[in-house]
């Protein structure tokens, strides 16, 4: 699968797993980068902090071809983690 297509298919409200790690990111906004030399997308949101059992401070990540493949969690998986009601 083309990583670029996977990156641009993520929408506001999605929870994504990045690569094959336990890094989960709740996307609250998706934007194009402000500079044309930076392809990809900018995701605003927060990472889940396993040690504290909660979502962290708002942050952003620049997702592009060199980043891990994102995997969007389905509703059943969100509910299994207790994240089913996140907007």
PDB file of N, CA and C in Angstrom:
ATOM      1  N   UNK A   1       0.845  -1.185   0.000  1.00  0.00           N
ATOM      2  CA  UNK A   1       0.000   0.000   0.000  1.00  0.00           C
ATOM      3  C   UNK A   1       0.883   1.238   0.000  1.00  0.00           C
ATOM      4  N   UNK A   2       0.480   2.235  -0.735  1.00  0.00           N
ATOM      5  CA  UNK A   2       1.190   3.499  -0.815  1.00  0.00           C
ATOM      6  C   UNK A   2       1.050   4.245   0.513  1.00  0.00           C
ATOM      7  N   UNK A   3       2.166   4.539   1.158  1.00  0.00           N
ATOM      8  CA  UNK A   3       2.118   5.227   2.454  1.00  0.00           C
ATOM      9  C   UNK A   3       1.464   6.598   2.338  1.00  0.00           C
ATOM     10  N   UNK A   4       1.730   7.297   1.237  1.00  0.00           N
ATOM     11  CA  UNK A   4       1.146   8.629   1.074  1.00  0.00           C
ATOM     12  C   UNK A   4      -0.375   8.547   1.073  1.00  0.00           C
ATOM     13  N   UNK A   5      -0.933   7.556   0.383  1.00  0.00           N
ATOM     14  CA  UNK A   5      -2.388   7.405   0.365  1.00  0.00           C
ATOM     15  C   UNK A   5      -2.918   7.088   1.750  1.00  0.00           C
ATOM     16  N   UNK A   6      -2.190   6.269   2.510  1.00  0.00           N
ATOM     17  CA  UNK A   6      -2.622   5.948   3.868  1.00  0.00           C
ATOM     18  C   UNK A   6      -2.591   7.194   4.744  1.00  0.00           C
ATOM     19  N   UNK A   7      -1.572   8.001   4.591  1.00  0.00           N
ATOM     20  CA  UNK A   7      -1.425   9.212   5.411  1.00  0.00           C
ATOM     21  C   UNK A   7      -2.537  10.211   5.123  1.00  0.00           C
ATOM     22  N   UNK A   8      -2.865  10.402   3.853  1.00  0.00           N
ATOM     23  CA  UNK A   8      -3.888  11.406   3.536  1.00  0.00           C
ATOM     24  C   UNK A   8      -5.304  10.893   3.768  1.00  0.00           C
ATOM     25  N   UNK A   9      -5.467   9.587   4.027  1.00  0.00           N
ATOM     26  CA  UNK A   9      -6.806   9.052   4.266  1.00  0.00           C
ATOM     27  C   UNK A   9      -7.249   9.215   5.720  1.00  0.00           C
ATOM     28  N   UNK A  10      -6.356   9.669   6.594  1.00  0.00           N
ATOM     29  CA  UNK A  10      -6.698   9.851   7.998  1.00  0.00           C
ATOM     30  C   UNK A  10      -7.499  11.139   8.157  1.00  0.00           C
ATOM     31  N   UNK A  11      -8.544  11.071   8.979  1.00  0.00           N
ATOM     32  CA  UNK A  11      -9.452  12.205   9.167  1.00  0.00           C
ATOM     33  C   UNK A  11      -9.518  12.641  10.625  1.00  0.00           C
ATOM     34  N   UNK A  12     -10.067  13.822  10.828  1.00  0.00           N
ATOM     35  CA  UNK A  12     -10.302  14.339  12.170  1.00  0.00           C
ATOM     36  C   UNK A  12     -11.146  13.337  12.952  1.00  0.00           C
ATOM     37  N   UNK A  13     -10.727  13.043  14.190  1.00  0.00           N
ATOM     38  CA  UNK A  13     -11.454  12.115  15.046  1.00  0.00           C
ATOM     39  C   UNK A  13     -10.914  10.695  15.015  1.00  0.00           C
ATOM     40  N   UNK A  14     -10.074  10.369  14.023  1.00  0.00           N
ATOM     41  CA  UNK A  14      -9.514   9.027  13.945  1.00  0.00           C
ATOM     42  C   UNK A  14      -8.496   8.803  15.055  1.00  0.00           C
ATOM     43  N   UNK A  15      -8.360   7.548  15.461  1.00  0.00           N
ATOM     44  CA  UNK A  15      -7.269   7.129  16.330  1.00  0.00           C
ATOM     45  C   UNK A  15      -6.423   6.200  15.489  1.00  0.00           C
ATOM     46  N   UNK A  16      -5.136   6.515  15.389  1.00  0.00           N
ATOM     47  CA  UNK A  16      -4.258   5.722  14.553  1.00  0.00           C
ATOM     48  C   UNK A  16      -3.156   5.080  15.383  1.00  0.00           C
ATOM     49  N   UNK A  17      -2.762   3.898  14.955  1.00  0.00           N
ATOM     50  CA  UNK A  17      -1.585   3.240  15.510  1.00  0.00           C
ATOM     51  C   UNK A  17      -0.489   3.469  14.488  1.00  0.00           C
ATOM     52  N   UNK A  18       0.647   3.947  14.958  1.00  0.00           N
ATOM     53  CA  UNK A  18       1.738   4.257  14.048  1.00  0.00           C
ATOM     54  C   UNK A  18       2.728   3.106  14.005  1.00  0.00           C
ATOM     55  N   UNK A  19       2.835   2.468  12.840  1.00  0.00           N
ATOM     56  CA  UNK A  19       3.730   1.337  12.690  1.00  0.00           C
ATOM     57  C   UNK A  19       3.244   0.146  13.495  1.00  0.00           C
ATOM     58  N   UNK A  20       4.198  -0.673  13.946  1.00  0.00           N
ATOM     59  CA  UNK A  20       3.857  -1.861  14.725  1.00  0.00           C
ATOM     60  C   UNK A  20       4.208  -1.641  16.187  1.00  0.00           C
ATOM     61  N   UNK A  21       3.968  -0.434  16.670  1.00  0.00           N
ATOM     62  CA  UNK A  21       4.286  -0.081  18.046  1.00  0.00           C
ATOM     63  C   UNK A  21       2.998   0.145  18.816  1.00  0.00           C
ATOM     64  N   UNK A  22       3.141   0.510  20.081  1.00  0.00           N
ATOM     65  CA  UNK A  22       1.958   0.853  20.869  1.00  0.00           C
ATOM     66  C   UNK A  22       1.793   2.367  20.926  1.00  0.00           C
ATOM     67  N   UNK A  23       2.227   3.067  19.878  1.00  0.00           N
ATOM     68  CA  UNK A  23       2.028   4.510  19.787  1.00  0.00           C
ATOM     69  C   UNK A  23       0.679   4.783  19.136  1.00  0.00           C
ATOM     70  N   UNK A  24      -0.256   5.273  19.939  1.00  0.00           N
ATOM     71  CA  UNK A  24      -1.581   5.619  19.442  1.00  0.00           C
ATOM     72  C   UNK A  24      -1.723   7.128  19.450  1.00  0.00           C
ATOM     73  N   UNK A  25      -2.306   7.678  18.373  1.00  0.00           N
ATOM     74  CA  UNK A  25      -2.442   9.118  18.228  1.00  0.00           C
ATOM     75  C   UNK A  25      -3.890   9.426  17.894  1.00  0.00           C
ATOM     76  N   UNK A  26      -4.514  10.319  18.696  1.00  0.00           N
ATOM     77  CA  UNK A  26      -5.888  10.755  18.451  1.00  0.00           C
ATOM     78  C   UNK A  26      -5.825  12.036  17.635  1.00  0.00           C
ATOM     79  N   UNK A  27      -6.291  11.983  16.398  1.00  0.00           N
ATOM     80  CA  UNK A  27      -6.212  13.106  15.466  1.00  0.00           C
ATOM     81  C   UNK A  27      -7.391  14.047  15.706  1.00  0.00           C
ATOM     82  N   UNK A  28      -7.084  15.300  16.035  1.00  0.00           N
ATOM     83  CA  UNK A  28      -8.149  16.282  16.243  1.00  0.00           C
ATOM     84  C   UNK A  28      -8.275  17.257  15.077  1.00  0.00           C
ATOM     85  N   UNK A  29      -7.249  17.313  14.215  1.00  0.00           N
ATOM     86  CA  UNK A  29      -7.295  18.177  13.038  1.00  0.00           C
ATOM     87  C   UNK A  29      -6.259  17.685  12.036  1.00  0.00           C
ATOM     88  N   UNK A  30      -6.561  17.815  10.766  1.00  0.00           N
ATOM     89  CA  UNK A  30      -5.652  17.425   9.690  1.00  0.00           C
ATOM     90  C   UNK A  30      -5.476  18.628   8.781  1.00  0.00           C
ATOM     91  N   UNK A  31      -4.221  18.981   8.523  1.00  0.00           N
ATOM     92  CA  UNK A  31      -3.941  20.133   7.656  1.00  0.00           C
ATOM     93  C   UNK A  31      -2.782  19.821   6.724  1.00  0.00           C
ATOM     94  N   UNK A  32      -2.728  20.574   5.651  1.00  0.00           N
ATOM     95  CA  UNK A  32      -1.565  20.479   4.781  1.00  0.00           C
ATOM     96  C   UNK A  32      -0.452  21.322   5.396  1.00  0.00           C
ATOM     97  N   UNK A  33       0.815  20.940   5.176  1.00  0.00           N
ATOM     98  CA  UNK A  33       1.920  21.746   5.703  1.00  0.00           C
ATOM     99  C   UNK A  33       1.877  23.163   5.136  1.00  0.00           C
ATOM    100  N   UNK A  34       2.404  24.106   5.879  1.00  0.00           N
ATOM    101  CA  UNK A  34       2.371  25.501   5.440  1.00  0.00           C
ATOM    102  C   UNK A  34       3.422  25.816   4.384  1.00  0.00           C
ATOM    103  N   UNK A  35       4.381  24.928   4.193  1.00  0.00           N
ATOM    104  CA  UNK A  35       5.414  25.158   3.186  1.00  0.00           C
ATOM    105  C   UNK A  35       5.353  24.057   2.133  1.00  0.00           C
ATOM    106  N   UNK A  36       5.368  24.420   0.848  1.00  0.00           N
ATOM    107  CA  UNK A  36       5.239  23.406  -0.203  1.00  0.00           C
ATOM    108  C   UNK A  36       6.415  22.427  -0.278  1.00  0.00           C
ATOM    109  N   UNK A  37       7.538  22.753   0.338  1.00  0.00           N
ATOM    110  CA  UNK A  37       8.693  21.852   0.320  1.00  0.00           C
ATOM    111  C   UNK A  37       8.548  20.727   1.335  1.00  0.00           C
ATOM    112  N   UNK A  38       7.481  20.744   2.128  1.00  0.00           N
ATOM    113  CA  UNK A  38       7.256  19.716   3.148  1.00  0.00           C
ATOM    114  C   UNK A  38       6.020  18.913   2.765  1.00  0.00           C
ATOM    115  N   UNK A  39       6.166  17.884   1.914  1.00  0.00           N
ATOM    116  CA  UNK A  39       4.990  17.092   1.509  1.00  0.00           C
ATOM    117  C   UNK A  39       4.436  16.279   2.674  1.00  0.00           C
ATOM    118  N   UNK A  40       3.225  15.819   2.500  1.00  0.00           N
ATOM    119  CA  UNK A  40       2.580  15.027   3.537  1.00  0.00           C
ATOM    120  C   UNK A  40       1.435  15.784   4.168  1.00  0.00           C
ATOM    121  N   UNK A  41       1.152  15.458   5.420  1.00  0.00           N
ATOM    122  CA  UNK A  41       0.073  16.114   6.154  1.00  0.00           C
ATOM    123  C   UNK A  41       0.536  16.397   7.574  1.00  0.00           C
ATOM    124  N   UNK A  42      -0.069  17.405   8.180  1.00  0.00           N
ATOM    125  CA  UNK A  42       0.200  17.717   9.585  1.00  0.00           C
ATOM    126  C   UNK A  42      -1.029  17.303  10.378  1.00  0.00           C
ATOM    127  N   UNK A  43      -0.806  16.440  11.361  1.00  0.00           N
ATOM    128  CA  UNK A  43      -1.882  15.981  12.234  1.00  0.00           C
ATOM    129  C   UNK A  43      -1.744  16.666  13.581  1.00  0.00           C
ATOM    130  N   UNK A  44      -2.813  17.298  14.024  1.00  0.00           N
ATOM    131  CA  UNK A  44      -2.879  17.855  15.374  1.00  0.00           C
ATOM    132  C   UNK A  44      -3.598  16.816  16.234  1.00  0.00           C
ATOM    133  N   UNK A  45      -3.201  16.704  17.482  1.00  0.00           N
ATOM    134  CA  UNK A  45      -3.848  15.747  18.369  1.00  0.00           C
ATOM    135  C   UNK A  45      -2.971  15.427  19.554  1.00  0.00           C
ATOM    136  N   UNK A  46      -3.069  14.197  20.052  1.00  0.00           N
ATOM    137  CA  UNK A  46      -2.255  13.806  21.207  1.00  0.00           C
ATOM    138  C   UNK A  46      -1.998  12.303  21.193  1.00  0.00           C
ATOM    139  N   UNK A  47      -0.866  11.924  21.796  1.00  0.00           N
ATOM    140  CA  UNK A  47      -0.498  10.522  21.953  1.00  0.00           C
ATOM    141  C   UNK A  47      -1.125   9.975  23.227  1.00  0.00           C
ATOM    142  N   UNK A  48      -1.416   8.683  23.225  1.00  0.00           N
ATOM    143  CA  UNK A  48      -1.866   8.033  24.451  1.00  0.00           C
ATOM    144  C   UNK A  48      -0.641   7.699  25.281  1.00  0.00           C
ATOM    145  N   UNK A  49      -0.655   8.095  26.537  1.00  0.00           N
ATOM    146  CA  UNK A  49       0.463   7.839  27.443  1.00  0.00           C
ATOM    147  C   UNK A  49       0.128   6.622  28.293  1.00  0.00           C
ATOM    148  N   UNK A  50       0.722   5.478  27.951  1.00  0.00           N
ATOM    149  CA  UNK A  50       0.416   4.226  28.642  1.00  0.00           C
ATOM    150  C   UNK A  50       0.757   4.288  30.122  1.00  0.00           C
ATOM    151  N   UNK A  51       1.869   4.919  30.462  1.00  0.00           N
ATOM    152  CA  UNK A  51       2.295   4.958  31.871  1.00  0.00           C
ATOM    153  C   UNK A  51       1.272   5.668  32.751  1.00  0.00           C
ATOM    154  N   UNK A  52       0.631   6.703  32.218  1.00  0.00           N
ATOM    155  CA  UNK A  52      -0.369   7.456  32.978  1.00  0.00           C
ATOM    156  C   UNK A  52      -1.795   6.997  32.702  1.00  0.00           C
ATOM    157  N   UNK A  53      -1.975   6.233  31.638  1.00  0.00           N
ATOM    158  CA  UNK A  53      -3.306   5.760  31.281  1.00  0.00           C
ATOM    159  C   UNK A  53      -4.221   6.843  30.765  1.00  0.00           C
ATOM    160  N   UNK A  54      -3.643   7.858  30.085  1.00  0.00           N
ATOM    161  CA  UNK A  54      -4.470   8.948  29.568  1.00  0.00           C
ATOM    162  C   UNK A  54      -3.820   9.554  28.319  1.00  0.00           C
ATOM    163  N   UNK A  55      -4.589  10.406  27.664  1.00  0.00           N
ATOM    164  CA  UNK A  55      -4.081  11.116  26.491  1.00  0.00           C
ATOM    165  C   UNK A  55      -3.225  12.283  26.956  1.00  0.00           C
ATOM    166  N   UNK A  56      -2.125  12.524  26.243  1.00  0.00           N
ATOM    167  CA  UNK A  56      -1.183  13.573  26.603  1.00  0.00           C
ATOM    168  C   UNK A  56      -1.603  14.949  26.119  1.00  0.00           C
ATOM    169  N   UNK A  57      -0.680  15.875  26.274  1.00  0.00           N
ATOM    170  CA  UNK A  57      -0.903  17.257  25.863  1.00  0.00           C
ATOM    171  C   UNK A  57      -1.060  17.352  24.340  1.00  0.00           C
ATOM    172  N   UNK A  58      -1.808  18.337  23.867  1.00  0.00           N
ATOM    173  CA  UNK A  58      -1.933  18.525  22.418  1.00  0.00           C
ATOM    174  C   UNK A  58      -0.562  18.739  21.775  1.00  0.00           C
ATOM    175  N   UNK A  59      -0.389  18.116  20.633  1.00  0.00           N
ATOM    176  CA  UNK A  59       0.860  18.233  19.886  1.00  0.00           C
ATOM    177  C   UNK A  59       0.543  18.076  18.413  1.00  0.00           C
ATOM    178  N   UNK A  60       1.548  18.136  17.577  1.00  0.00           N
ATOM    179  CA  UNK A  60       1.332  17.861  16.166  1.00  0.00           C
ATOM    180  C   UNK A  60       2.462  16.997  15.653  1.00  0.00           C
ATOM    181  N   UNK A  61       2.155  16.241  14.631  1.00  0.00           N
ATOM    182  CA  UNK A  61       3.174  15.452  13.963  1.00  0.00           C
ATOM    183  C   UNK A  61       3.050  15.668  12.465  1.00  0.00           C
ATOM    184  N   UNK A  62       4.186  15.724  11.810  1.00  0.00           N
ATOM    185  CA  UNK A  62       4.227  15.867  10.357  1.00  0.00           C
ATOM    186  C   UNK A  62       4.357  14.472   9.775  1.00  0.00           C
ATOM    187  N   UNK A  63       3.300  13.998   9.165  1.00  0.00           N
ATOM    188  CA  UNK A  63       3.300  12.665   8.570  1.00  0.00           C
ATOM    189  C   UNK A  63       3.671  12.776   7.098  1.00  0.00           C
ATOM    190  N   UNK A  64       4.663  11.985   6.699  1.00  0.00           N
ATOM    191  CA  UNK A  64       5.108  11.989   5.305  1.00  0.00           C
ATOM    192  C   UNK A  64       5.616  10.608   4.941  1.00  0.00           C
ATOM    193  N   UNK A  65       6.082  10.443   3.740  1.00  0.00           N
ATOM    194  CA  UNK A  65       6.455   9.135   3.197  1.00  0.00           C
ATOM    195  C   UNK A  65       7.430   8.362   4.082  1.00  0.00           C
ATOM    196  N   UNK A  66       8.335   9.017   4.775  1.00  0.00           N
ATOM    197  CA  UNK A  66       9.326   8.324   5.587  1.00  0.00           C
ATOM    198  C   UNK A  66       8.839   7.884   6.964  1.00  0.00           C
ATOM    199  N   UNK A  67       7.642   8.263   7.345  1.00  0.00           N
ATOM    200  CA  UNK A  67       7.096   7.919   8.664  1.00  0.00           C
ATOM    201  C   UNK A  67       6.493   6.513   8.648  1.00  0.00           C
ATOM    202  N   UNK A  68       6.253   5.933   9.845  1.00  0.00           N
ATOM    203  CA  UNK A  68       5.630   4.601   9.892  1.00  0.00           C
ATOM    204  C   UNK A  68       4.228   4.618   9.287  1.00  0.00           C
ATOM    205  N   UNK A  69       3.848   3.490   8.739  1.00  0.00           N
ATOM    206  CA  UNK A  69       2.518   3.343   8.146  1.00  0.00           C
ATOM    207  C   UNK A  69       1.441   3.495   9.217  1.00  0.00           C
ATOM    208  N   UNK A  70       0.506   4.413   9.041  1.00  0.00           N
ATOM    209  CA  UNK A  70      -0.571   4.539  10.040  1.00  0.00           C
ATOM    210  C   UNK A  70      -1.642   3.480   9.822  1.00  0.00           C
ATOM    211  N   UNK A  71      -2.210   3.007  10.924  1.00  0.00           N
ATOM    212  CA  UNK A  71      -3.305   2.051  10.889  1.00  0.00           C
ATOM    213  C   UNK A  71      -4.450   2.666  11.678  1.00  0.00           C
ATOM    214  N   UNK A  72      -5.576   2.921  11.014  1.00  0.00           N
ATOM    215  CA  UNK A  72      -6.721   3.547  11.666  1.00  0.00           C
ATOM    216  C   UNK A  72      -7.491   2.484  12.439  1.00  0.00           C
ATOM    217  N   UNK A  73      -7.721   2.715  13.731  1.00  0.00           N
ATOM    218  CA  UNK A  73      -8.458   1.770  14.561  1.00  0.00           C
ATOM    219  C   UNK A  73      -9.942   1.788  14.209  1.00  0.00           C
ATOM    220  N   UNK A  74     -10.527   0.614  14.114  1.00  0.00           N
ATOM    221  CA  UNK A  74     -11.963   0.539  13.871  1.00  0.00           C
ATOM    222  C   UNK A  74     -12.714   0.759  15.193  1.00  0.00           C
ATOM    223  N   UNK A  75     -14.016   0.880  15.113  1.00  0.00           N
ATOM    224  CA  UNK A  75     -14.825   1.197  16.292  1.00  0.00           C
ATOM    225  C   UNK A  75     -14.727   0.113  17.366  1.00  0.00           C
ATOM    226  N   UNK A  76     -14.681  -1.147  16.954  1.00  0.00           N
ATOM    227  CA  UNK A  76     -14.600  -2.237  17.934  1.00  0.00           C
ATOM    228  C   UNK A  76     -13.297  -2.154  18.724  1.00  0.00           C
ATOM    229  N   UNK A  77     -12.195  -1.837  18.058  1.00  0.00           N
ATOM    230  CA  UNK A  77     -10.906  -1.716  18.746  1.00  0.00           C
ATOM    231  C   UNK A  77     -10.902  -0.502  19.657  1.00  0.00           C
ATOM    232  N   UNK A  78     -11.479   0.611  19.188  1.00  0.00           N
ATOM    233  CA  UNK A  78     -11.572   1.808  20.034  1.00  0.00           C
ATOM    234  C   UNK A  78     -12.330   1.493  21.322  1.00  0.00           C
ATOM    235  N   UNK A  79     -13.434   0.789  21.202  1.00  0.00           N
ATOM    236  CA  UNK A  79     -14.246   0.445  22.376  1.00  0.00           C
ATOM    237  C   UNK A  79     -13.513  -0.527  23.294  1.00  0.00           C
ATOM    238  N   UNK A  80     -12.736  -1.444  22.718  1.00  0.00           N
ATOM    239  CA  UNK A  80     -11.966  -2.391  23.519  1.00  0.00           C
ATOM    240  C   UNK A  80     -10.975  -1.649  24.432  1.00  0.00           C
ATOM    241  N   UNK A  81     -10.391  -0.569  23.934  1.00  0.00           N
ATOM    242  CA  UNK A  81      -9.456   0.231  24.721  1.00  0.00           C
ATOM    243  C   UNK A  81     -10.171   1.257  25.615  1.00  0.00           C
ATOM    244  N   UNK A  82     -11.486   1.413  25.442  1.00  0.00           N
ATOM    245  CA  UNK A  82     -12.219   2.411  26.220  1.00  0.00           C
ATOM    246  C   UNK A  82     -12.230   3.778  25.555  1.00  0.00           C
ATOM    247  N   UNK A  83     -11.927   3.817  24.267  1.00  0.00           N
ATOM    248  CA  UNK A  83     -11.842   5.077  23.535  1.00  0.00           C
ATOM    249  C   UNK A  83     -13.011   5.249  22.561  1.00  0.00           C
ATOM    250  N   UNK A  84     -14.063   4.503  22.728  1.00  0.00           N
ATOM    251  CA  UNK A  84     -15.176   4.521  21.781  1.00  0.00           C
ATOM    252  C   UNK A  84     -15.912   5.838  21.721  1.00  0.00           C
ATOM    253  N   UNK A  85     -15.861   6.609  22.802  1.00  0.00           N
ATOM    254  CA  UNK A  85     -16.627   7.855  22.831  1.00  0.00           C
ATOM    255  C   UNK A  85     -15.804   9.092  22.477  1.00  0.00           C
ATOM    256  N   UNK A  86     -14.535   8.913  22.095  1.00  0.00           N
ATOM    257  CA  UNK A  86     -13.732  10.080  21.723  1.00  0.00           C
ATOM    258  C   UNK A  86     -14.269  10.665  20.420  1.00  0.00           C
ATOM    259  N   UNK A  87     -14.349  11.992  20.355  1.00  0.00           N
ATOM    260  CA  UNK A  87     -14.881  12.624  19.121  1.00  0.00           C
ATOM    261  C   UNK A  87     -13.927  12.487  17.944  1.00  0.00           C
TER     262      UNK A  87
END
